[in-house]
Amino acid sequence: MARGAAADLVRIVARESDAGLVIVIDHRKSMPGRGAWLHARTDCVSAAVRRKAVPAALRVNGVTVDPDDLSAAVLRSTQNEAHGSGPEQVAEDMSTP
């Protein structure tokens, strides 16, 4: 999804939770599973969501990604990255059971 220096990119991964499949930001860039890299810019996040590149890159189905939520989480992630905080949920499984 993105090319550039690792310092300029944010990694996201899909994880199982009580609410189903969620997309989280991998602050430490070490979570298991398939990840995708995004530039920490609103225009890049919006383009990735619009093109449905996030579920495709993560190889997951049934996840709806809100571009505003993901953009805000990515921007917060870059601001808080020095603190090494845990994963932040940015999308949830919206499929019907």
PDB file of N, CA and C in Angstrom:
ATOM      1  N   MET A   1       0.809  -1.197   0.000  1.00  0.00           N
ATOM      2  CA  MET A   1       0.000   0.000   0.000  1.00  0.00           C
ATOM      3  C   MET A   1       0.848   1.255   0.000  1.00  0.00           C
ATOM      4  N   ALA A   2       2.009   1.233   0.648  1.00  0.00           N
ATOM      5  CA  ALA A   2       2.831   2.436   0.723  1.00  0.00           C
ATOM      6  C   ALA A   2       4.290   2.077   0.547  1.00  0.00           C
ATOM      7  N   ARG A   3       5.007   3.011  -0.018  1.00  0.00           N
ATOM      8  CA  ARG A   3       6.452   2.868  -0.135  1.00  0.00           C
ATOM      9  C   ARG A   3       7.069   4.106   0.475  1.00  0.00           C
ATOM     10  N   GLY A   4       8.120   3.893   1.207  1.00  0.00           N
ATOM     11  CA  GLY A   4       8.802   5.010   1.836  1.00  0.00           C
ATOM     12  C   GLY A   4       9.604   4.517   3.016  1.00  0.00           C
ATOM     13  N   ALA A   5      10.232   5.446   3.678  1.00  0.00           N
ATOM     14  CA  ALA A   5      11.026   5.104   4.855  1.00  0.00           C
ATOM     15  C   ALA A   5      10.108   4.596   5.959  1.00  0.00           C
ATOM     16  N   ALA A   6      10.553   3.574   6.668  1.00  0.00           N
ATOM     17  CA  ALA A   6       9.736   2.989   7.740  1.00  0.00           C
ATOM     18  C   ALA A   6       9.347   4.032   8.776  1.00  0.00           C
ATOM     19  N   ALA A   7      10.185   5.019   8.990  1.00  0.00           N
ATOM     20  CA  ALA A   7       9.884   6.058   9.977  1.00  0.00           C
ATOM     21  C   ALA A   7       8.688   6.910   9.559  1.00  0.00           C
ATOM     22  N   ASP A   8       8.388   6.944   8.258  1.00  0.00           N
ATOM     23  CA  ASP A   8       7.282   7.755   7.752  1.00  0.00           C
ATOM     24  C   ASP A   8       5.980   6.973   7.619  1.00  0.00           C
ATOM     25  N   LEU A   9       6.018   5.676   7.944  1.00  0.00           N
ATOM     26  CA  LEU A   9       4.860   4.813   7.732  1.00  0.00           C
ATOM     27  C   LEU A   9       4.303   4.287   9.049  1.00  0.00           C
ATOM     28  N   VAL A  10       3.018   3.962   9.031  1.00  0.00           N
ATOM     29  CA  VAL A  10       2.335   3.370  10.178  1.00  0.00           C
ATOM     30  C   VAL A  10       1.870   1.985   9.747  1.00  0.00           C
ATOM     31  N   ARG A  11       2.060   0.994  10.601  1.00  0.00           N
ATOM     32  CA  ARG A  11       1.648  -0.379  10.286  1.00  0.00           C
ATOM     33  C   ARG A  11       0.297  -0.660  10.925  1.00  0.00           C
ATOM     34  N   ILE A  12      -0.599  -1.271  10.154  1.00  0.00           N
ATOM     35  CA  ILE A  12      -1.893  -1.704  10.672  1.00  0.00           C
ATOM     36  C   ILE A  12      -1.999  -3.209  10.471  1.00  0.00           C
ATOM     37  N   VAL A  13      -2.742  -3.864  11.349  1.00  0.00           N
ATOM     38  CA  VAL A  13      -2.961  -5.310  11.257  1.00  0.00           C
ATOM     39  C   VAL A  13      -4.417  -5.617  11.594  1.00  0.00           C
ATOM     40  N   ALA A  14      -4.883  -6.776  11.159  1.00  0.00           N
ATOM     41  CA  ALA A  14      -6.223  -7.256  11.516  1.00  0.00           C
ATOM     42  C   ALA A  14      -6.070  -8.220  12.680  1.00  0.00           C
ATOM     43  N   ARG A  15      -6.932  -8.066  13.687  1.00  0.00           N
ATOM     44  CA  ARG A  15      -6.884  -8.940  14.869  1.00  0.00           C
ATOM     45  C   ARG A  15      -8.290  -9.326  15.271  1.00  0.00           C
ATOM     46  N   GLU A  16      -8.391 -10.483  15.895  1.00  0.00           N
ATOM     47  CA  GLU A  16      -9.672 -10.929  16.445  1.00  0.00           C
ATOM     48  C   GLU A  16      -9.882 -10.268  17.804  1.00  0.00           C
ATOM     49  N   SER A  17     -11.126  -9.877  18.075  1.00  0.00           N
ATOM     50  CA  SER A  17     -11.490  -9.339  19.383  1.00  0.00           C
ATOM     51  C   SER A  17     -12.869  -9.878  19.744  1.00  0.00           C
ATOM     52  N   ASP A  18     -13.370  -9.482  20.896  1.00  0.00           N
ATOM     53  CA  ASP A  18     -14.710  -9.906  21.307  1.00  0.00           C
ATOM     54  C   ASP A  18     -15.771  -9.427  20.324  1.00  0.00           C
ATOM     55  N   ALA A  19     -15.509  -8.291  19.672  1.00  0.00           N
ATOM     56  CA  ALA A  19     -16.455  -7.718  18.722  1.00  0.00           C
ATOM     57  C   ALA A  19     -16.289  -8.290  17.317  1.00  0.00           C
ATOM     58  N   GLY A  20     -15.359  -9.212  17.131  1.00  0.00           N
ATOM     59  CA  GLY A  20     -15.086  -9.768  15.810  1.00  0.00           C
ATOM     60  C   GLY A  20     -13.741  -9.279  15.307  1.00  0.00           C
ATOM     61  N   LEU A  21     -13.590  -9.237  14.020  1.00  0.00           N
ATOM     62  CA  LEU A  21     -12.341  -8.812  13.410  1.00  0.00           C
ATOM     63  C   LEU A  21     -12.219  -7.295  13.471  1.00  0.00           C
ATOM     64  N   VAL A  22     -11.079  -6.809  13.927  1.00  0.00           N
ATOM     65  CA  VAL A  22     -10.839  -5.368  14.011  1.00  0.00           C
ATOM     66  C   VAL A  22      -9.493  -5.042  13.379  1.00  0.00           C
ATOM     67  N   ILE A  23      -9.357  -3.824  12.920  1.00  0.00           N
ATOM     68  CA  ILE A  23      -8.084  -3.336  12.408  1.00  0.00           C
ATOM     69  C   ILE A  23      -7.486  -2.446  13.479  1.00  0.00           C
ATOM     70  N   VAL A  24      -6.231  -2.714  13.813  1.00  0.00           N
ATOM     71  CA  VAL A  24      -5.552  -1.949  14.855  1.00  0.00           C
ATOM     72  C   VAL A  24      -4.239  -1.409  14.316  1.00  0.00           C
ATOM     73  N   ILE A  25      -3.761  -0.360  14.958  1.00  0.00           N
ATOM     74  CA  ILE A  25      -2.464   0.205  14.622  1.00  0.00           C
ATOM     75  C   ILE A  25      -1.406  -0.515  15.443  1.00  0.00           C
ATOM     76  N   ASP A  26      -0.383  -0.968  14.771  1.00  0.00           N
ATOM     77  CA  ASP A  26       0.720  -1.692  15.399  1.00  0.00           C
ATOM     78  C   ASP A  26       1.823  -0.688  15.731  1.00  0.00           C
ATOM     79  N   HIS A  27       1.710  -0.088  16.910  1.00  0.00           N
ATOM     80  CA  HIS A  27       2.645   0.969  17.301  1.00  0.00           C
ATOM     81  C   HIS A  27       4.086   0.484  17.348  1.00  0.00           C
ATOM     82  N   ARG A  28       4.286  -0.730  17.795  1.00  0.00           N
ATOM     83  CA  ARG A  28       5.656  -1.253  17.926  1.00  0.00           C
ATOM     84  C   ARG A  28       6.138  -1.941  16.659  1.00  0.00           C
ATOM     85  N   LYS A  29       5.246  -2.045  15.683  1.00  0.00           N
ATOM     86  CA  LYS A  29       5.576  -2.665  14.395  1.00  0.00           C
ATOM     87  C   LYS A  29       6.078  -4.095  14.553  1.00  0.00           C
ATOM     88  N   SER A  30       5.446  -4.822  15.485  1.00  0.00           N
ATOM     89  CA  SER A  30       5.903  -6.183  15.756  1.00  0.00           C
ATOM     90  C   SER A  30       4.766  -7.177  15.996  1.00  0.00           C
ATOM     91  N   MET A  31       3.514  -6.769  15.793  1.00  0.00           N
ATOM     92  CA  MET A  31       2.393  -7.675  16.016  1.00  0.00           C
ATOM     93  C   MET A  31       2.418  -8.800  14.989  1.00  0.00           C
ATOM     94  N   PRO A  32       1.970  -9.994  15.396  1.00  0.00           N
ATOM     95  CA  PRO A  32       1.943 -11.102  14.443  1.00  0.00           C
ATOM     96  C   PRO A  32       0.845 -10.903  13.405  1.00  0.00           C
ATOM     97  N   GLY A  33       0.997 -11.582  12.312  1.00  0.00           N
ATOM     98  CA  GLY A  33      -0.019 -11.536  11.274  1.00  0.00           C
ATOM     99  C   GLY A  33       0.349 -10.601  10.144  1.00  0.00           C
ATOM    100  N   ARG A  34      -0.475 -10.665   9.128  1.00  0.00           N
ATOM    101  CA  ARG A  34      -0.248  -9.847   7.945  1.00  0.00           C
ATOM    102  C   ARG A  34      -0.524  -8.392   8.283  1.00  0.00           C
ATOM    103  N   GLY A  35       0.369  -7.530   7.903  1.00  0.00           N
ATOM    104  CA  GLY A  35       0.212  -6.108   8.154  1.00  0.00           C
ATOM    105  C   GLY A  35       0.228  -5.323   6.859  1.00  0.00           C
ATOM    106  N   ALA A  36      -0.177  -4.079   6.963  1.00  0.00           N
ATOM    107  CA  ALA A  36      -0.126  -3.157   5.830  1.00  0.00           C
ATOM    108  C   ALA A  36       0.462  -1.850   6.333  1.00  0.00           C
ATOM    109  N   TRP A  37       1.150  -1.164   5.465  1.00  0.00           N
ATOM    110  CA  TRP A  37       1.819   0.083   5.830  1.00  0.00           C
ATOM    111  C   TRP A  37       1.122   1.252   5.152  1.00  0.00           C
ATOM    112  N   LEU A  38       0.913   2.319   5.913  1.00  0.00           N
ATOM    113  CA  LEU A  38       0.274   3.531   5.402  1.00  0.00           C
ATOM    114  C   LEU A  38       1.146   4.731   5.716  1.00  0.00           C
ATOM    115  N   HIS A  39       1.157   5.700   4.796  1.00  0.00           N
ATOM    116  CA  HIS A  39       1.754   6.984   5.132  1.00  0.00           C
ATOM    117  C   HIS A  39       0.844   7.642   6.167  1.00  0.00           C
ATOM    118  N   ALA A  40       1.414   8.326   7.096  1.00  0.00           N
ATOM    119  CA  ALA A  40       0.635   8.975   8.153  1.00  0.00           C
ATOM    120  C   ALA A  40       0.105  10.318   7.664  1.00  0.00           C
ATOM    121  N   ARG A  41      -0.594  10.277   6.529  1.00  0.00           N
ATOM    122  CA  ARG A  41      -1.181  11.487   5.958  1.00  0.00           C
ATOM    123  C   ARG A  41      -2.642  11.206   5.619  1.00  0.00           C
ATOM    124  N   THR A  42      -3.475  12.187   5.862  1.00  0.00           N
ATOM    125  CA  THR A  42      -4.911  12.031   5.639  1.00  0.00           C
ATOM    126  C   THR A  42      -5.221  11.652   4.198  1.00  0.00           C
ATOM    127  N   ASP A  43      -4.551  12.272   3.230  1.00  0.00           N
ATOM    128  CA  ASP A  43      -4.848  11.975   1.830  1.00  0.00           C
ATOM    129  C   ASP A  43      -4.500  10.530   1.470  1.00  0.00           C
ATOM    130  N   CYS A  44      -3.427  10.002   2.021  1.00  0.00           N
ATOM    131  CA  CYS A  44      -3.044   8.606   1.746  1.00  0.00           C
ATOM    132  C   CYS A  44      -4.025   7.630   2.389  1.00  0.00           C
ATOM    133  N   VAL A  45      -4.436   7.931   3.616  1.00  0.00           N
ATOM    134  CA  VAL A  45      -5.402   7.069   4.303  1.00  0.00           C
ATOM    135  C   VAL A  45      -6.729   7.083   3.550  1.00  0.00           C
ATOM    136  N   SER A  46      -7.186   8.270   3.158  1.00  0.00           N
ATOM    137  CA  SER A  46      -8.454   8.377   2.425  1.00  0.00           C
ATOM    138  C   SER A  46      -8.401   7.615   1.109  1.00  0.00           C
ATOM    139  N   ALA A  47      -7.281   7.719   0.401  1.00  0.00           N
ATOM    140  CA  ALA A  47      -7.138   6.999  -0.867  1.00  0.00           C
ATOM    141  C   ALA A  47      -7.161   5.489  -0.640  1.00  0.00           C
ATOM    142  N   ALA A  48      -6.487   5.021   0.395  1.00  0.00           N
ATOM    143  CA  ALA A  48      -6.457   3.583   0.693  1.00  0.00           C
ATOM    144  C   ALA A  48      -7.854   3.065   1.023  1.00  0.00           C
ATOM    145  N   VAL A  49      -8.618   3.837   1.783  1.00  0.00           N
ATOM    146  CA  VAL A  49      -9.980   3.424   2.146  1.00  0.00           C
ATOM    147  C   VAL A  49     -10.886   3.471   0.919  1.00  0.00           C
ATOM    148  N   ARG A  50     -10.788   4.547   0.148  1.00  0.00           N
ATOM    149  CA  ARG A  50     -11.630   4.708  -1.043  1.00  0.00           C
ATOM    150  C   ARG A  50     -11.397   3.565  -2.039  1.00  0.00           C
ATOM    151  N   ARG A  51     -10.152   3.139  -2.188  1.00  0.00           N
ATOM    152  CA  ARG A  51      -9.812   2.063  -3.124  1.00  0.00           C
ATOM    153  C   ARG A  51     -10.011   0.671  -2.527  1.00  0.00           C
ATOM    154  N   LYS A  52     -10.459   0.633  -1.273  1.00  0.00           N
ATOM    155  CA  LYS A  52     -10.658  -0.631  -0.544  1.00  0.00           C
ATOM    156  C   LYS A  52      -9.358  -1.423  -0.461  1.00  0.00           C
ATOM    157  N   ALA A  53      -8.256  -0.695  -0.340  1.00  0.00           N
ATOM    158  CA  ALA A  53      -6.935  -1.315  -0.285  1.00  0.00           C
ATOM    159  C   ALA A  53      -6.628  -1.900   1.091  1.00  0.00           C
ATOM    160  N   VAL A  54      -7.265  -1.383   2.145  1.00  0.00           N
ATOM    161  CA  VAL A  54      -6.960  -1.872   3.495  1.00  0.00           C
ATOM    162  C   VAL A  54      -7.378  -3.334   3.655  1.00  0.00           C
ATOM    163  N   PRO A  55      -8.651  -3.692   3.420  1.00  0.00           N
ATOM    164  CA  PRO A  55      -9.018  -5.110   3.544  1.00  0.00           C
ATOM    165  C   PRO A  55      -8.259  -5.997   2.549  1.00  0.00           C
ATOM    166  N   ALA A  56      -8.007  -5.482   1.357  1.00  0.00           N
ATOM    167  CA  ALA A  56      -7.284  -6.273   0.359  1.00  0.00           C
ATOM    168  C   ALA A  56      -5.848  -6.532   0.801  1.00  0.00           C
ATOM    169  N   ALA A  57      -5.176  -5.509   1.304  1.00  0.00           N
ATOM    170  CA  ALA A  57      -3.782  -5.666   1.742  1.00  0.00           C
ATOM    171  C   ALA A  57      -3.679  -6.601   2.941  1.00  0.00           C
ATOM    172  N   LEU A  58      -4.672  -6.542   3.819  1.00  0.00           N
ATOM    173  CA  LEU A  58      -4.663  -7.398   5.004  1.00  0.00           C
ATOM    174  C   LEU A  58      -5.270  -8.771   4.723  1.00  0.00           C
ATOM    175  N   ARG A  59      -5.857  -8.925   3.538  1.00  0.00           N
ATOM    176  CA  ARG A  59      -6.519 -10.172   3.132  1.00  0.00           C
ATOM    177  C   ARG A  59      -7.614 -10.587   4.109  1.00  0.00           C
ATOM    178  N   VAL A  60      -8.494  -9.629   4.403  1.00  0.00           N
ATOM    179  CA  VAL A  60      -9.635  -9.888   5.283  1.00  0.00           C
ATOM    180  C   VAL A  60     -10.911  -9.443   4.571  1.00  0.00           C
ATOM    181  N   ASN A  61     -12.014 -10.066   4.916  1.00  0.00           N
ATOM    182  CA  ASN A  61     -13.317  -9.711   4.356  1.00  0.00           C
ATOM    183  C   ASN A  61     -14.237  -9.262   5.476  1.00  0.00           C
ATOM    184  N   GLY A  62     -15.239  -8.462   5.125  1.00  0.00           N
ATOM    185  CA  GLY A  62     -16.256  -8.079   6.083  1.00  0.00           C
ATOM    186  C   GLY A  62     -15.862  -6.978   7.039  1.00  0.00           C
ATOM    187  N   VAL A  63     -14.795  -6.253   6.736  1.00  0.00           N
ATOM    188  CA  VAL A  63     -14.374  -5.163   7.610  1.00  0.00           C
ATOM    189  C   VAL A  63     -14.662  -3.851   6.903  1.00  0.00           C
ATOM    190  N   THR A  64     -15.397  -2.975   7.567  1.00  0.00           N
ATOM    191  CA  THR A  64     -15.667  -1.649   7.042  1.00  0.00           C
ATOM    192  C   THR A  64     -14.743  -0.665   7.734  1.00  0.00           C
ATOM    193  N   VAL A  65     -14.014   0.100   6.947  1.00  0.00           N
ATOM    194  CA  VAL A  65     -13.055   1.051   7.499  1.00  0.00           C
ATOM    195  C   VAL A  65     -13.581   2.456   7.278  1.00  0.00           C
ATOM    196  N   ASP A  66     -13.715   3.219   8.355  1.00  0.00           N
ATOM    197  CA  ASP A  66     -14.134   4.609   8.272  1.00  0.00           C
ATOM    198  C   ASP A  66     -12.888   5.460   8.041  1.00  0.00           C
ATOM    199  N   PRO A  67     -12.830   6.213   6.931  1.00  0.00           N
ATOM    200  CA  PRO A  67     -11.619   6.978   6.647  1.00  0.00           C
ATOM    201  C   PRO A  67     -11.294   8.021   7.705  1.00  0.00           C
ATOM    202  N   ASP A  68     -12.318   8.645   8.278  1.00  0.00           N
ATOM    203  CA  ASP A  68     -12.070   9.655   9.311  1.00  0.00           C
ATOM    204  C   ASP A  68     -11.496   9.022  10.572  1.00  0.00           C
ATOM    205  N   ASP A  69     -12.060   7.882  10.980  1.00  0.00           N
ATOM    206  CA  ASP A  69     -11.550   7.186  12.165  1.00  0.00           C
ATOM    207  C   ASP A  69     -10.118   6.710  11.951  1.00  0.00           C
ATOM    208  N   LEU A  70      -9.859   6.133  10.785  1.00  0.00           N
ATOM    209  CA  LEU A  70      -8.517   5.629  10.504  1.00  0.00           C
ATOM    210  C   LEU A  70      -7.517   6.776  10.415  1.00  0.00           C
ATOM    211  N   SER A  71      -7.894   7.869   9.756  1.00  0.00           N
ATOM    212  CA  SER A  71      -6.998   9.032   9.663  1.00  0.00           C
ATOM    213  C   SER A  71      -6.667   9.579  11.035  1.00  0.00           C
ATOM    214  N   ALA A  72      -7.690   9.726  11.875  1.00  0.00           N
ATOM    215  CA  ALA A  72      -7.466  10.248  13.228  1.00  0.00           C
ATOM    216  C   ALA A  72      -6.566   9.315  14.029  1.00  0.00           C
ATOM    217  N   ALA A  73      -6.793   8.015  13.912  1.00  0.00           N
ATOM    218  CA  ALA A  73      -5.974   7.047  14.652  1.00  0.00           C
ATOM    219  C   ALA A  73      -4.535   7.056  14.162  1.00  0.00           C
ATOM    220  N   VAL A  74      -4.339   7.164  12.856  1.00  0.00           N
ATOM    221  CA  VAL A  74      -2.984   7.202  12.305  1.00  0.00           C
ATOM    222  C   VAL A  74      -2.263   8.460  12.770  1.00  0.00           C
ATOM    223  N   LEU A  75      -2.945   9.587  12.735  1.00  0.00           N
ATOM    224  CA  LEU A  75      -2.317  10.835  13.181  1.00  0.00           C
ATOM    225  C   LEU A  75      -2.001  10.787  14.670  1.00  0.00           C
ATOM    226  N   ARG A  76      -2.914  10.243  15.471  1.00  0.00           N
ATOM    227  CA  ARG A  76      -2.633  10.086  16.903  1.00  0.00           C
ATOM    228  C   ARG A  76      -1.454   9.155  17.119  1.00  0.00           C
ATOM    229  N   SER A  77      -1.393   8.127  16.297  1.00  0.00           N
ATOM    230  CA  SER A  77      -0.310   7.156  16.418  1.00  0.00           C
ATOM    231  C   SER A  77       1.047   7.809  16.206  1.00  0.00           C
ATOM    232  N   THR A  78       1.137   8.662  15.214  1.00  0.00           N
ATOM    233  CA  THR A  78       2.420   9.308  14.954  1.00  0.00           C
ATOM    234  C   THR A  78       2.780  10.277  16.065  1.00  0.00           C
ATOM    235  N   GLN A  79       1.780  10.889  16.681  1.00  0.00           N
ATOM    236  CA  GLN A  79       2.041  11.814  17.783  1.00  0.00           C
ATOM    237  C   GLN A  79       2.431  11.072  19.053  1.00  0.00           C
ATOM    238  N   ASN A  80       1.874   9.878  19.259  1.00  0.00           N
ATOM    239  CA  ASN A  80       2.115   9.119  20.488  1.00  0.00           C
ATOM    240  C   ASN A  80       3.146   8.015  20.330  1.00  0.00           C
ATOM    241  N   GLU A  81       3.747   7.897  19.157  1.00  0.00           N
ATOM    242  CA  GLU A  81       4.636   6.771  18.885  1.00  0.00           C
ATOM    243  C   GLU A  81       5.800   6.687  19.862  1.00  0.00           C
ATOM    244  N   ALA A  82       6.283   7.792  20.304  1.00  0.00           N
ATOM    245  CA  ALA A  82       7.424   7.793  21.225  1.00  0.00           C
ATOM    246  C   ALA A  82       7.069   7.151  22.562  1.00  0.00           C
ATOM    247  N   HIS A  83       5.782   7.099  22.894  1.00  0.00           N
ATOM    248  CA  HIS A  83       5.353   6.534  24.174  1.00  0.00           C
ATOM    249  C   HIS A  83       5.197   5.020  24.125  1.00  0.00           C
ATOM    250  N   GLY A  84       5.246   4.432  22.937  1.00  0.00           N
ATOM    251  CA  GLY A  84       5.139   2.973  22.817  1.00  0.00           C
ATOM    252  C   GLY A  84       3.816   2.428  23.308  1.00  0.00           C
ATOM    253  N   SER A  85       2.724   3.122  23.016  1.00  0.00           N
ATOM    254  CA  SER A  85       1.419   2.672  23.487  1.00  0.00           C
ATOM    255  C   SER A  85       0.980   1.412  22.756  1.00  0.00           C
ATOM    256  N   GLY A  86      -0.053   0.756  23.282  1.00  0.00           N
ATOM    257  CA  GLY A  86      -0.546  -0.505  22.737  1.00  0.00           C
ATOM    258  C   GLY A  86      -1.367  -0.311  21.486  1.00  0.00           C
ATOM    259  N   PRO A  87      -1.952  -1.382  20.970  1.00  0.00           N
ATOM    260  CA  PRO A  87      -2.717  -1.300  19.737  1.00  0.00           C
ATOM    261  C   PRO A  87      -3.983  -0.469  19.910  1.00  0.00           C
ATOM    262  N   GLU A  88      -4.353   0.224  18.854  1.00  0.00           N
ATOM    263  CA  GLU A  88      -5.540   1.066  18.873  1.00  0.00           C
ATOM    264  C   GLU A  88      -6.494   0.577  17.797  1.00  0.00           C
ATOM    265  N   GLN A  89      -7.723   0.231  18.192  1.00  0.00           N
ATOM    266  CA  GLN A  89      -8.712  -0.285  17.250  1.00  0.00           C
ATOM    267  C   GLN A  89      -9.205   0.842  16.363  1.00  0.00           C
ATOM    268  N   VAL A  90      -9.226   0.607  15.045  1.00  0.00           N
ATOM    269  CA  VAL A  90      -9.673   1.638  14.128  1.00  0.00           C
ATOM    270  C   VAL A  90     -10.816   1.191  13.223  1.00  0.00           C
ATOM    271  N   ALA A  91     -11.164  -0.085  13.215  1.00  0.00           N
ATOM    272  CA  ALA A  91     -12.282  -0.570  12.408  1.00  0.00           C
ATOM    273  C   ALA A  91     -12.783  -1.866  13.013  1.00  0.00           C
ATOM    274  N   GLU A  92     -14.029  -2.171  12.746  1.00  0.00           N
ATOM    275  CA  GLU A  92     -14.569  -3.414  13.283  1.00  0.00           C
ATOM    276  C   GLU A  92     -15.334  -4.170  12.215  1.00  0.00           C
ATOM    277  N   ASP A  93     -15.567  -5.423  12.486  1.00  0.00           N
ATOM    278  CA  ASP A  93     -16.282  -6.307  11.576  1.00  0.00           C
ATOM    279  C   ASP A  93     -17.726  -5.842  11.475  1.00  0.00           C
ATOM    280  N   MET A  94     -18.150  -5.500  10.277  1.00  0.00           N
ATOM    281  CA  MET A  94     -19.512  -5.020  10.072  1.00  0.00           C
ATOM    282  C   MET A  94     -20.359  -6.044   9.324  1.00  0.00           C
ATOM    283  N   SER A  95     -19.843  -7.251   9.157  1.00  0.00           N
ATOM    284  CA  SER A  95     -20.596  -8.279   8.443  1.00  0.00           C
ATOM    285  C   SER A  95     -21.708  -8.820   9.330  1.00  0.00           C
ATOM    286  N   THR A  96     -22.701  -9.383   8.698  1.00  0.00           N
ATOM    287  CA  THR A  96     -23.800  -9.971   9.460  1.00  0.00           C
ATOM    288  C   THR A  96     -23.483 -11.423   9.764  1.00  0.00           C
ATOM    289  N   PRO A  97     -23.839 -11.888  10.962  1.00  0.00           N
ATOM    290  CA  PRO A  97     -23.534 -13.276  11.327  1.00  0.00           C
ATOM    291  C   PRO A  97     -24.354 -14.267  10.543  1.00  0.00           C
TER     292      PRO A  97
END
